Protein backbone atom coordinates (compact mmCIF):
# COMPACT_ATOMS: atom_id res chain seq x y z
CA MET A 1 9.18 54.47 41.53
CA ARG A 2 9.87 50.80 41.99
CA LYS A 3 13.34 50.33 43.47
CA ASP A 4 13.64 46.60 44.12
CA TYR A 5 13.77 45.38 40.53
CA SER A 6 16.38 42.92 39.32
CA THR A 7 19.22 44.03 37.08
CA ASN A 8 18.31 44.43 33.41
CA ILE A 9 20.76 44.92 30.58
CA PHE A 10 20.17 45.40 26.85
CA ASN A 11 22.98 43.59 25.09
CA SER A 12 24.43 46.13 22.71
CA HIS A 13 25.96 43.53 20.38
CA SER A 14 22.61 42.10 19.32
CA VAL A 15 20.55 45.16 20.15
CA THR A 16 18.57 43.23 22.73
CA SER A 17 17.23 43.91 26.18
CA THR A 18 18.85 41.50 28.61
CA GLN A 19 17.62 40.80 32.09
CA ILE A 20 20.31 39.29 34.29
CA MET A 21 18.46 37.24 36.87
CA ASN A 22 19.89 35.67 39.98
CA LYS A 23 19.65 31.93 39.64
CA HIS A 24 18.41 31.57 43.20
CA ARG A 25 15.33 33.64 42.35
CA PHE A 26 14.56 31.24 39.51
CA PRO A 27 15.53 27.80 40.88
CA TYR A 28 12.96 25.87 38.91
CA LEU A 29 13.99 27.44 35.60
CA PHE A 30 17.72 27.21 36.21
CA ILE A 31 17.65 23.61 37.46
CA SER A 32 15.38 22.41 34.68
CA LEU A 33 17.59 23.87 31.97
CA ARG A 34 20.72 22.50 33.57
CA THR A 35 19.16 19.07 34.02
CA GLY A 36 17.92 19.06 30.44
CA ILE A 37 21.39 19.82 29.11
CA ALA A 38 22.85 17.19 31.38
CA ILE A 39 20.40 14.62 30.04
CA VAL A 40 21.27 15.41 26.42
CA PHE A 41 24.98 15.40 27.29
CA SER A 42 24.70 11.96 28.89
CA LEU A 43 22.75 10.60 25.96
CA CYS A 44 25.24 11.94 23.46
CA LEU A 45 28.27 10.40 25.11
CA LEU A 46 26.89 6.91 24.67
CA PRO A 47 27.13 5.46 21.18
CA LEU A 48 23.79 3.68 21.34
CA PHE A 49 20.84 3.65 23.72
CA SER A 50 18.15 1.05 23.89
CA ALA A 51 14.56 2.26 23.77
CA GLN A 52 14.05 0.82 27.25
CA THR A 53 16.99 2.81 28.69
CA LEU A 54 15.86 6.03 27.04
CA ALA A 55 12.29 5.58 28.18
CA GLN A 56 13.42 4.90 31.74
CA LEU A 57 15.63 7.99 31.77
CA GLU A 58 12.83 10.10 30.34
CA ASN A 59 10.35 8.88 32.96
CA GLU A 60 12.73 9.71 35.79
CA ASN A 61 12.99 13.34 34.64
CA GLN A 62 9.56 14.00 33.20
CA THR A 63 8.60 16.11 36.22
CA GLU A 64 11.27 18.63 35.24
CA LEU A 65 11.75 18.36 31.50
CA LEU A 66 10.10 16.07 28.99
CA LEU A 67 12.35 15.19 26.06
CA PRO A 68 10.91 13.89 22.76
CA LEU A 69 12.32 10.38 22.47
CA ASP A 70 12.58 10.17 18.68
CA GLU A 71 14.36 13.52 18.39
CA VAL A 72 16.84 12.55 21.13
CA ARG A 73 17.64 9.34 19.21
CA LEU A 74 18.11 11.40 16.04
CA PHE A 75 20.41 13.85 17.83
CA THR A 76 22.50 10.97 19.20
CA GLU A 77 22.70 9.38 15.76
CA VAL A 78 23.86 12.64 14.15
CA LEU A 79 26.48 13.09 16.84
CA ASN A 80 27.83 9.57 16.32
CA ARG A 81 27.93 10.01 12.54
CA ILE A 82 29.96 13.21 12.92
CA ARG A 83 32.37 11.59 15.39
CA SER A 84 32.96 8.60 13.15
CA ALA A 85 32.81 10.06 9.63
CA TYR A 86 33.77 13.75 9.68
CA VAL A 87 36.96 14.46 7.75
CA GLU A 88 38.79 15.67 10.87
CA PRO A 89 38.41 14.58 14.49
CA ILE A 90 36.31 16.91 16.67
CA ASP A 91 36.12 16.64 20.44
CA ASP A 92 32.75 16.15 22.11
CA LYS A 93 32.90 19.47 23.95
CA THR A 94 33.12 21.42 20.70
CA LEU A 95 30.31 19.42 19.14
CA LEU A 96 28.00 19.92 22.10
CA GLU A 97 28.73 23.63 22.40
CA ASN A 98 27.98 24.03 18.69
CA ALA A 99 24.75 22.10 19.20
CA ILE A 100 23.72 24.47 21.99
CA LYS A 101 24.59 27.50 19.85
CA GLY A 102 22.54 26.15 16.96
CA MET A 103 19.60 25.35 19.21
CA LEU A 104 19.44 28.93 20.49
CA ALA A 105 20.23 30.58 17.16
CA GLY A 106 17.30 28.75 15.59
CA ILE A 107 14.80 30.26 18.04
CA ASP A 108 15.14 33.97 17.27
CA PRO A 109 17.87 36.49 16.36
CA HIS A 110 18.49 37.51 19.97
CA SER A 111 18.77 34.25 21.92
CA THR A 112 22.31 32.93 22.12
CA TYR A 113 24.82 30.85 24.05
CA LEU A 114 27.39 32.80 26.06
CA ALA A 115 30.72 31.05 26.43
CA ALA A 116 33.31 32.44 28.84
CA ASP A 117 34.56 35.16 26.47
CA ASP A 118 31.04 36.11 25.39
CA TYR A 119 29.92 36.48 29.00
CA GLU A 120 32.85 38.79 29.71
CA GLN A 121 32.14 40.86 26.60
CA LEU A 122 28.51 41.26 27.63
CA GLN A 123 29.62 42.91 30.86
CA GLU A 124 32.20 45.05 29.04
CA SER A 125 29.59 46.37 26.64
CA THR A 126 27.56 47.92 29.46
CA THR A 127 30.16 48.89 32.07
CA GLY A 128 33.70 48.84 30.69
CA GLU A 129 35.92 49.47 27.71
CA PHE A 130 37.14 47.17 24.96
CA GLY A 131 39.12 47.06 21.74
CA GLY A 132 36.82 47.07 18.74
CA LEU A 133 35.01 49.06 16.06
CA GLY A 134 32.28 50.72 18.11
CA VAL A 135 29.36 49.42 16.09
CA GLU A 136 26.09 47.79 17.18
CA VAL A 137 24.94 44.92 14.99
CA GLY A 138 22.16 42.37 14.59
CA ILE A 139 21.19 39.58 12.18
CA GLU A 140 19.03 40.06 9.10
CA ASP A 141 18.54 37.43 6.38
CA GLY A 142 21.78 35.75 7.36
CA PHE A 143 23.81 38.94 7.05
CA ILE A 144 25.12 41.22 9.77
CA LYS A 145 23.03 44.40 9.90
CA VAL A 146 24.45 47.57 11.37
CA ILE A 147 21.98 48.98 13.86
CA SER A 148 24.14 52.00 14.58
CA PRO A 149 27.77 53.03 14.89
CA MET A 150 28.62 54.65 18.23
CA ASP A 151 29.20 58.39 18.09
CA GLY A 152 32.82 59.18 17.24
CA SER A 153 33.80 55.49 17.07
CA PRO A 154 36.24 54.04 14.49
CA ALA A 155 33.29 52.64 12.53
CA ASP A 156 31.53 56.01 12.58
CA ARG A 157 34.61 57.87 11.37
CA ALA A 158 35.28 55.27 8.66
CA GLY A 159 31.82 55.85 7.19
CA VAL A 160 29.80 52.85 8.43
CA GLN A 161 26.12 53.81 8.57
CA ALA A 162 23.00 52.50 10.29
CA GLY A 163 21.22 50.04 7.98
CA ASP A 164 24.38 48.79 6.26
CA LEU A 165 24.57 45.04 5.66
CA ILE A 166 27.99 43.50 6.32
CA ILE A 167 28.38 40.56 3.94
CA LYS A 168 32.05 39.82 4.70
CA LEU A 169 34.50 40.46 7.54
CA ASP A 170 38.00 40.31 6.07
CA ASP A 171 37.82 37.00 4.18
CA THR A 172 35.01 35.47 6.28
CA PRO A 173 31.51 35.51 4.71
CA ALA A 174 28.91 36.80 7.17
CA ARG A 175 26.55 33.89 6.41
CA GLU A 176 29.10 31.45 7.83
CA VAL A 177 29.27 32.98 11.33
CA THR A 178 26.92 33.50 14.24
CA LEU A 179 26.31 36.86 15.84
CA GLY A 180 28.67 35.96 18.67
CA ASP A 181 31.38 34.97 16.20
CA THR A 182 30.90 38.28 14.42
CA VAL A 183 31.56 40.17 17.64
CA ASP A 184 34.73 38.12 18.15
CA LEU A 185 35.91 38.96 14.63
CA MET A 186 35.27 42.69 15.04
CA ARG A 187 37.05 42.91 18.37
CA GLY A 188 40.79 42.70 18.60
CA GLU A 189 44.00 44.48 19.44
CA PRO A 190 43.84 48.29 19.11
CA GLY A 191 45.64 49.48 15.98
CA THR A 192 44.77 46.43 13.86
CA ASP A 193 42.57 46.74 10.78
CA ILE A 194 39.52 44.86 9.60
CA VAL A 195 37.99 45.12 6.13
CA LEU A 196 34.18 45.15 6.05
CA THR A 197 32.39 44.42 2.79
CA ILE A 198 29.19 46.46 2.81
CA LEU A 199 25.87 46.46 0.98
CA ARG A 200 24.06 49.78 1.30
CA GLU A 201 20.62 50.84 0.14
CA GLY A 202 20.88 53.12 -2.85
CA VAL A 203 24.37 51.84 -3.79
CA SER A 204 24.31 49.29 -6.61
CA ASP A 205 27.52 47.40 -5.79
CA ALA A 206 29.10 46.11 -2.61
CA PHE A 207 32.09 48.11 -1.39
CA GLU A 208 34.79 47.78 1.23
CA ILE A 209 35.47 49.91 4.31
CA THR A 210 38.66 49.48 6.31
CA VAL A 211 38.23 50.17 10.02
CA THR A 212 41.08 50.42 12.53
CA ARG A 213 40.26 48.97 15.95
CA GLU A 214 40.54 51.21 19.00
CA ILE A 215 39.78 51.06 22.69
CA ILE A 216 36.07 51.80 22.84
CA GLN A 217 34.98 53.87 25.79
CA ALA A 218 31.25 54.13 25.76
CA ARG A 219 30.15 57.71 26.48
CA SER A 220 26.47 57.54 27.17
CA VAL A 221 25.32 61.15 27.53
CA ARG A 222 26.43 64.46 26.03
CA SER A 223 24.58 67.70 26.67
CA ARG A 224 24.85 71.42 26.06
CA ILE A 225 22.82 74.58 25.63
CA ILE A 226 22.39 74.54 21.89
CA GLU A 227 21.19 78.15 21.81
CA PRO A 228 19.86 80.47 24.52
CA GLY A 229 16.92 78.83 26.24
CA TYR A 230 17.17 75.46 24.50
CA GLY A 231 19.01 72.39 25.75
CA TYR A 232 20.24 69.41 23.76
CA ILE A 233 20.78 65.97 25.31
CA ARG A 234 22.33 63.24 23.19
CA VAL A 235 21.95 59.72 24.61
CA ALA A 236 24.15 57.37 22.55
CA SER A 237 23.36 54.27 24.63
CA PHE A 238 21.83 53.39 27.98
CA SER A 239 24.56 52.47 30.44
CA VAL A 240 24.24 52.09 34.19
CA ASP A 241 24.36 55.82 35.01
CA THR A 242 22.49 57.25 32.01
CA GLY A 243 19.32 58.09 33.91
CA GLU A 244 21.21 60.07 36.53
CA GLU A 245 23.34 61.80 33.88
CA VAL A 246 20.23 63.03 32.07
CA LYS A 247 18.76 64.34 35.32
CA THR A 248 22.04 66.11 36.08
CA ALA A 249 22.04 67.70 32.62
CA LEU A 250 18.49 69.01 33.11
CA THR A 251 19.40 70.51 36.49
CA ARG A 252 22.43 72.20 34.94
CA PHE A 253 20.31 73.60 32.08
CA HIS A 254 17.97 75.27 34.56
CA GLU A 255 20.94 76.79 36.39
CA GLU A 256 22.57 78.15 33.23
CA THR A 257 19.59 79.58 31.36
CA GLU A 258 15.89 80.26 31.45
CA LEU A 259 15.09 76.89 29.89
CA LYS A 260 12.36 76.99 27.23
CA GLY A 261 12.69 73.51 25.77
CA VAL A 262 14.80 70.38 25.42
CA VAL A 263 15.68 68.08 22.52
CA LEU A 264 16.34 64.47 23.59
CA ASP A 265 18.27 62.80 20.77
CA LEU A 266 17.89 58.99 20.68
CA ARG A 267 18.83 58.52 17.03
CA ASN A 268 21.04 55.47 16.40
CA ASN A 269 20.78 54.50 20.07
CA PRO A 270 20.66 50.67 20.16
CA GLY A 271 19.56 50.32 23.78
CA GLY A 272 21.21 49.54 27.08
CA VAL A 273 20.26 49.15 30.72
CA LEU A 274 16.51 48.99 31.26
CA GLN A 275 16.59 50.84 34.58
CA SER A 276 18.40 53.73 32.91
CA ALA A 277 15.67 53.98 30.28
CA VAL A 278 13.13 54.08 33.10
CA GLY A 279 15.23 56.76 34.82
CA VAL A 280 15.31 58.93 31.69
CA VAL A 281 11.52 58.83 31.35
CA ASP A 282 11.19 59.52 35.07
CA ALA A 283 13.13 62.77 34.60
CA PHE A 284 10.25 64.13 32.49
CA ILE A 285 7.06 62.77 34.10
CA THR A 286 5.79 62.75 37.68
CA ASP A 287 3.36 59.83 37.83
CA GLY A 288 2.06 56.82 35.97
CA LEU A 289 3.33 53.65 34.37
CA ILE A 290 6.56 53.81 32.34
CA VAL A 291 6.87 50.27 30.96
CA TYR A 292 5.81 46.72 31.78
CA THR A 293 6.87 43.27 30.59
CA GLU A 294 4.92 40.04 30.05
CA GLY A 295 6.31 36.52 29.72
CA ARG A 296 5.58 32.89 30.53
CA ALA A 297 7.71 32.87 33.68
CA GLU A 298 6.09 34.62 36.62
CA ASN A 299 9.23 36.58 37.45
CA ALA A 300 9.47 37.86 33.88
CA GLU A 301 6.50 40.15 34.53
CA MET A 302 7.56 43.56 35.84
CA ARG A 303 6.08 47.05 36.08
CA PHE A 304 7.98 50.33 36.44
CA GLU A 305 6.28 53.45 37.76
CA ALA A 306 7.38 57.10 37.74
CA SER A 307 8.42 59.01 40.85
CA THR A 308 7.08 62.46 41.76
CA GLU A 309 10.30 64.34 40.95
CA ASP A 310 10.50 66.22 37.65
CA GLN A 311 13.97 67.52 36.83
CA SER A 312 12.68 68.92 33.52
CA GLN A 313 10.16 71.17 35.35
CA GLY A 314 7.66 70.56 32.59
CA VAL A 315 9.47 72.36 29.76
CA PRO A 316 8.48 71.39 26.19
CA LEU A 317 10.27 68.31 24.92
CA VAL A 318 11.01 66.90 21.46
CA VAL A 319 12.45 63.38 21.13
CA LEU A 320 14.37 62.48 17.96
CA ILE A 321 14.35 58.83 16.79
CA ASN A 322 15.20 56.90 13.64
CA ALA A 323 15.59 53.31 12.39
CA GLY A 324 18.68 52.90 14.58
CA SER A 325 16.72 53.64 17.77
CA ALA A 326 16.04 50.30 19.42
CA SER A 327 15.02 48.58 22.65
CA ALA A 328 15.59 51.00 25.55
CA SER A 329 15.31 53.95 23.16
CA GLU A 330 11.88 52.74 22.11
CA ILE A 331 10.83 52.31 25.73
CA VAL A 332 11.68 55.97 26.36
CA ALA A 333 10.03 57.25 23.17
CA GLY A 334 6.94 55.07 23.63
CA ALA A 335 6.41 56.06 27.27
CA LEU A 336 6.81 59.80 26.61
CA GLN A 337 4.49 59.51 23.61
CA ASP A 338 1.81 57.64 25.58
CA HIS A 339 1.96 60.21 28.38
CA GLN A 340 1.74 63.01 25.77
CA ARG A 341 4.80 64.50 27.42
CA ALA A 342 6.86 64.87 24.25
CA ILE A 343 6.59 65.29 20.52
CA ILE A 344 8.30 62.33 18.85
CA MET A 345 10.03 63.37 15.62
CA GLY A 346 12.13 61.65 12.98
CA THR A 347 11.53 58.28 11.34
CA ALA A 348 10.13 54.96 12.58
CA SER A 349 12.29 53.15 15.14
CA PHE A 350 13.87 49.69 14.87
CA GLY A 351 11.05 47.66 16.44
CA LYS A 352 12.82 45.48 18.99
CA GLY A 353 10.37 44.84 21.80
CA SER A 354 11.55 41.59 23.39
CA VAL A 355 13.43 41.00 26.63
CA GLN A 356 16.32 38.57 26.91
CA THR A 357 17.25 36.91 30.21
CA VAL A 358 20.80 35.83 30.98
CA LEU A 359 20.53 32.45 32.72
CA PRO A 360 23.79 31.24 34.30
CA LEU A 361 24.79 27.64 33.58
CA THR A 362 28.22 27.66 35.28
CA ASN A 363 30.44 30.35 36.74
CA ASP A 364 31.55 31.49 33.29
CA ARG A 365 28.84 30.24 30.92
CA ALA A 366 25.24 31.22 30.39
CA ILE A 367 22.45 31.39 27.84
CA LYS A 368 20.71 34.56 26.79
CA LEU A 369 17.09 33.62 26.17
CA THR A 370 14.09 35.64 25.04
CA THR A 371 11.70 35.48 27.99
CA ALA A 372 9.29 38.40 27.68
CA LEU A 373 7.90 41.23 25.60
CA TYR A 374 7.72 44.79 26.87
CA PHE A 375 4.78 47.14 26.43
CA THR A 376 4.32 50.90 26.53
CA PRO A 377 2.04 52.41 29.22
CA LYS A 378 -0.97 52.14 26.89
CA GLY A 379 -0.28 48.46 26.21
CA ARG A 380 1.38 48.84 22.82
CA SER A 381 3.87 46.19 21.77
CA ILE A 382 6.46 47.64 19.42
CA GLN A 383 7.92 44.24 18.47
CA ALA A 384 8.64 44.28 14.71
CA LEU A 385 6.62 47.52 14.42
CA GLY A 386 8.65 50.20 16.16
CA ILE A 387 7.56 53.62 17.36
CA THR A 388 5.91 55.82 14.74
CA PRO A 389 6.87 59.49 15.18
CA ASP A 390 4.20 62.12 15.73
CA ILE A 391 5.94 64.17 13.05
CA ILE A 392 7.89 62.33 10.36
CA VAL A 393 11.06 64.15 9.33
CA ASP A 394 13.58 62.37 7.13
CA ARG A 395 17.29 63.01 7.18
CA GLY A 396 18.25 65.96 5.06
CA GLN A 397 20.56 68.88 4.60
CA VAL A 398 19.30 72.42 4.47
CA THR A 399 20.75 74.48 1.63
CA ARG A 400 20.48 78.21 2.25
CA ILE A 401 19.48 80.29 -0.76
CA PRO A 402 20.31 83.97 -0.13
CA ASP A 403 18.13 86.76 -1.42
CA SER A 404 18.91 88.03 -4.88
CA LEU A 405 21.35 90.93 -5.06
CA ILE A 406 18.77 92.95 -7.00
CA SER A 407 15.98 92.41 -4.50
CA TYR A 408 14.94 95.32 -2.31
CA ARG A 409 12.52 96.14 0.51
CA GLU A 410 10.34 99.07 1.48
CA ALA A 411 13.17 100.68 3.42
CA ASP A 412 15.24 100.81 0.21
CA LEU A 413 12.69 102.95 -1.64
CA VAL A 414 13.44 106.67 -2.00
CA GLY A 415 11.07 108.72 0.11
CA HIS A 416 9.67 105.79 2.11
CA LEU A 417 7.64 106.64 5.18
CA ALA A 418 9.44 106.46 8.51
CA ASN A 419 8.60 103.79 11.01
CA ALA A 420 5.70 104.84 13.25
CA ASN A 421 7.59 103.72 16.36
CA GLY A 422 10.45 106.02 15.61
CA ASP A 423 12.86 103.26 14.58
CA GLU A 424 14.76 105.11 11.87
CA ASP A 425 17.19 102.32 10.98
CA GLY A 426 14.34 99.94 10.12
CA GLU A 427 15.41 97.32 12.66
CA ASP A 428 12.55 95.24 14.08
CA LYS A 429 13.18 95.26 17.80
CA ASN A 430 10.62 92.49 18.28
CA ALA A 431 12.31 90.20 15.80
CA GLY A 432 13.99 87.03 16.94
CA GLN A 433 17.59 86.05 16.47
CA SER A 434 19.65 86.32 13.29
CA GLU A 435 19.81 83.63 10.65
CA GLU A 436 23.21 82.51 11.87
CA GLU A 437 21.94 82.22 15.45
CA ALA A 438 18.89 80.23 14.38
CA VAL A 439 20.83 77.46 12.68
CA ILE A 440 21.41 74.36 14.78
CA ALA A 441 23.80 71.41 14.81
CA ALA A 442 23.85 68.40 17.10
CA GLU A 443 27.53 67.72 17.64
CA ILE A 444 29.23 70.81 16.19
CA PRO A 445 30.04 73.78 18.46
CA PRO A 446 28.22 77.02 17.61
CA GLN A 447 31.41 78.76 16.42
CA GLU A 448 31.84 76.35 13.47
CA PRO A 449 31.23 77.64 9.93
CA LEU A 450 27.63 78.09 8.87
CA GLU A 451 27.79 75.56 6.01
CA VAL A 452 28.64 72.82 8.53
CA ILE A 453 26.08 73.80 11.14
CA VAL A 454 23.04 73.47 8.87
CA ARG A 455 23.52 69.77 8.12
CA ASP A 456 21.30 68.33 10.87
CA TYR A 457 17.87 69.03 9.38
CA GLN A 458 15.99 66.88 11.90
CA LEU A 459 17.49 68.71 14.87
CA ASN A 460 16.85 72.07 13.22
CA GLU A 461 13.18 71.14 12.84
CA ALA A 462 13.02 69.99 16.47
CA ILE A 463 14.28 73.39 17.65
CA ASN A 464 11.73 75.10 15.39
CA ILE A 465 8.95 73.05 16.97
CA LEU A 466 10.11 74.07 20.46
CA LYS A 467 10.19 77.73 19.42
CA GLY A 468 6.67 77.45 18.04
CA LEU A 469 5.45 75.90 21.28
CA ASN A 470 6.99 78.73 23.26
CA ILE A 471 5.28 81.31 21.05
CA ILE A 472 1.85 79.77 21.46
CA ARG A 473 2.23 78.58 25.05
CA PRO A 474 1.92 82.00 26.79
CA ARG A 475 -1.18 82.77 24.74
CA VAL A 476 -2.84 79.49 25.66
CA MET A 477 -1.95 79.96 29.33
CA ALA A 478 -3.30 83.52 29.29
CA GLU A 479 -6.54 82.39 27.67
CA SER A 480 -6.86 79.60 30.25
CA GLU A 481 -6.31 82.01 33.13
CA THR A 482 -8.87 84.43 31.68
CA GLN A 483 -11.40 81.65 31.27
CA LEU A 484 -10.72 80.47 34.82
CA LEU A 485 -11.30 83.98 36.24
CA GLU A 486 -14.52 84.29 34.27
CA ASP A 487 -15.71 80.93 35.60
CA ILE A 488 -14.89 82.00 39.17
CA GLU A 489 -16.67 85.35 38.76
CA GLY A 490 -19.68 83.63 37.23
CA THR A 491 -19.84 81.18 40.13
CA SER A 492 -19.59 84.02 42.67
CA ALA A 493 -22.37 85.99 40.93
CA ARG A 494 -24.70 83.00 41.17
């Protein structure tokens, strides 16, 4: 497995994959961007430039960055009009920072300018804790779209759901703010409230949800034996240690039980650290390509290969995804699907397949720029398409319908024949577990009431798939061994 890759982070606020690159590894890119901004800054500070001066300045820097002369004049003219005619005075720093923000926002939903506070928040979102709502968001049609609330977060408990459109934050319309501004509005002192006005599919009118801010401590991985022989791993986001945590969970499963299968739950997982996504895949496969990226810059092209270790020991695997599964989640699902290592179940994923690079401008400012697309091992780009599950299972709730009180079985008939195996009480000793034991829930301990446990239909179906694989697997292996022996005997006879 490649070990010398540069740090990659998927920014959870915009559900983007972010590659933090050392500026010394990219001197041409860093210097050109900085010089270009410096040129525009110099032009904007002067009220008027002659064509001769502009042309001379452009010629001196054309080896690094060619600027369209007419558009630079237009930019300078707009700046001067704002400075002289806007209803209130605005300092040049604010105007230029807003210009940079607008320039990046107009490229795609994921490129953005990171001021000092934004840069700090980017690091908090992957390594630390912060006061906020615990919700991952992106931009759609000018509104703020909820990609997913974090498990157990204030937003989750208040009822915010993946796919919700936030049209207002307190009294601020969502169309009037950038994604970065939205993050600023949602974060704040723990204990303070924010009112979100929500549009939700299937609900005719907008409605309000009040969320109380809390200190958000991102918990990446939760795992447990969901029933004897079957492990459940919930990955809520990909932080720095997620890959190792998943490997540790698999090792623990094998120590605690005779492991027959694992469910890897990536639903509503907005992404995270790229290396951790690679590490999660590496826990289930022993060779081959995991993911690769392609971009215009030479250093934006990377390939990640699997190591020979397999903490899962080849047990059957089902991966759950939905529309809230994005970026790193899609890398994991796509790689395991291409390697035919797992059955992908649920609904189509988000479809975010681009890589953003954080390019430092100063010690506390940077730009996050889309620089590459990533591809699954078979060369599939999931950008705007997502991962299509092998088995589509929508969200649902299983309602148990008990047998009628007047129904009866053979054993209830007077004078019925006894069981040929001598089992007088009619119990099938080869039967599986009871109904109560067979019902599954993702986040609810097994001792909870039955009516609560049956709510996670997708997970219940995943466990059923694993059980089916374990029923058929010994038969297939036995048939393969028999065929192999016959082939060997036939070869020896010849």
